Protein backbone atom coordinates (compact mmCIF):
# COMPACT_ATOMS: atom_id res chain seq x y z
CA MET A 1 50.21 -188.02 87.65
CA GLN A 2 49.47 -191.59 88.67
CA ILE A 3 45.70 -192.25 88.59
CA SER A 4 44.52 -194.55 91.36
CA ALA A 5 41.97 -197.30 90.92
CA ILE A 6 39.60 -195.56 93.33
CA ALA A 7 39.72 -192.37 91.21
CA GLN A 8 38.83 -194.44 88.16
CA ILE A 9 35.88 -195.92 90.04
CA TYR A 10 34.76 -192.46 91.17
CA TRP A 11 34.96 -191.20 87.58
CA GLN A 12 32.89 -194.11 86.26
CA LYS A 13 30.24 -193.46 88.91
CA VAL A 14 30.15 -189.75 88.06
CA LYS A 15 29.74 -190.60 84.37
CA ASP A 16 26.96 -193.07 85.23
CA ASN A 17 25.22 -190.40 87.35
CA GLU A 18 25.55 -192.59 90.44
CA ARG A 19 27.67 -189.97 92.21
CA THR A 20 28.29 -186.26 91.80
CA TYR A 21 31.72 -184.74 91.36
CA ALA A 22 31.03 -182.67 94.48
CA SER A 23 30.70 -185.90 96.49
CA VAL A 24 34.07 -187.28 95.35
CA ALA A 25 36.65 -187.37 98.15
CA ASN A 26 38.72 -184.17 98.07
CA SER A 27 41.91 -186.23 97.89
CA LYS A 28 40.72 -187.79 94.59
CA LYS A 29 39.12 -184.79 92.84
CA GLU A 30 42.22 -183.80 90.85
CA GLU A 31 42.63 -187.37 89.59
CA VAL A 32 38.96 -187.56 88.59
CA LYS A 33 39.22 -184.18 86.87
CA SER A 34 42.29 -185.40 85.01
CA LEU A 35 40.36 -188.44 83.77
CA ALA A 36 37.54 -186.17 82.59
CA LEU A 37 39.99 -183.91 80.75
CA GLU A 38 41.55 -186.94 79.05
CA GLU A 39 38.13 -188.00 77.78
CA VAL A 40 37.39 -184.53 76.39
CA ASN A 41 40.78 -184.41 74.69
CA SER A 42 40.25 -187.86 73.16
CA GLY A 43 36.74 -187.01 71.96
CA LYS A 44 34.93 -189.46 74.25
CA LEU A 45 33.28 -186.61 76.16
CA THR A 46 32.08 -183.22 74.96
CA GLU A 47 32.89 -179.97 76.70
CA ALA A 48 29.20 -179.63 77.57
CA GLU A 49 29.16 -183.11 79.13
CA TYR A 50 32.30 -182.25 81.09
CA GLN A 51 30.66 -179.10 82.41
CA ASN A 52 27.47 -180.97 83.30
CA LEU A 53 29.30 -183.80 85.09
CA LEU A 54 31.87 -181.71 86.95
CA GLY A 55 29.80 -178.59 87.49
CA GLU A 56 32.51 -176.29 86.24
CA GLU A 57 33.42 -174.72 82.94
CA PHE A 58 35.77 -176.65 80.71
CA THR A 59 39.15 -175.00 80.23
CA ALA A 60 41.58 -176.56 77.78
CA LEU A 61 45.10 -177.11 79.06
């Protein structure tokens, strides 16, 4: 999946608590979720942080 620049900006704002995942445009949510999953898989984000930021339980792929 190609991640757009706007999805990267949304993700940074979610991480910075400037925006909620719920407020991300529906057309960009899957991209933002993919970025979050990448950060969990690389160890930059914990599963608990993922759950807190996205408001849903982490499920490994």
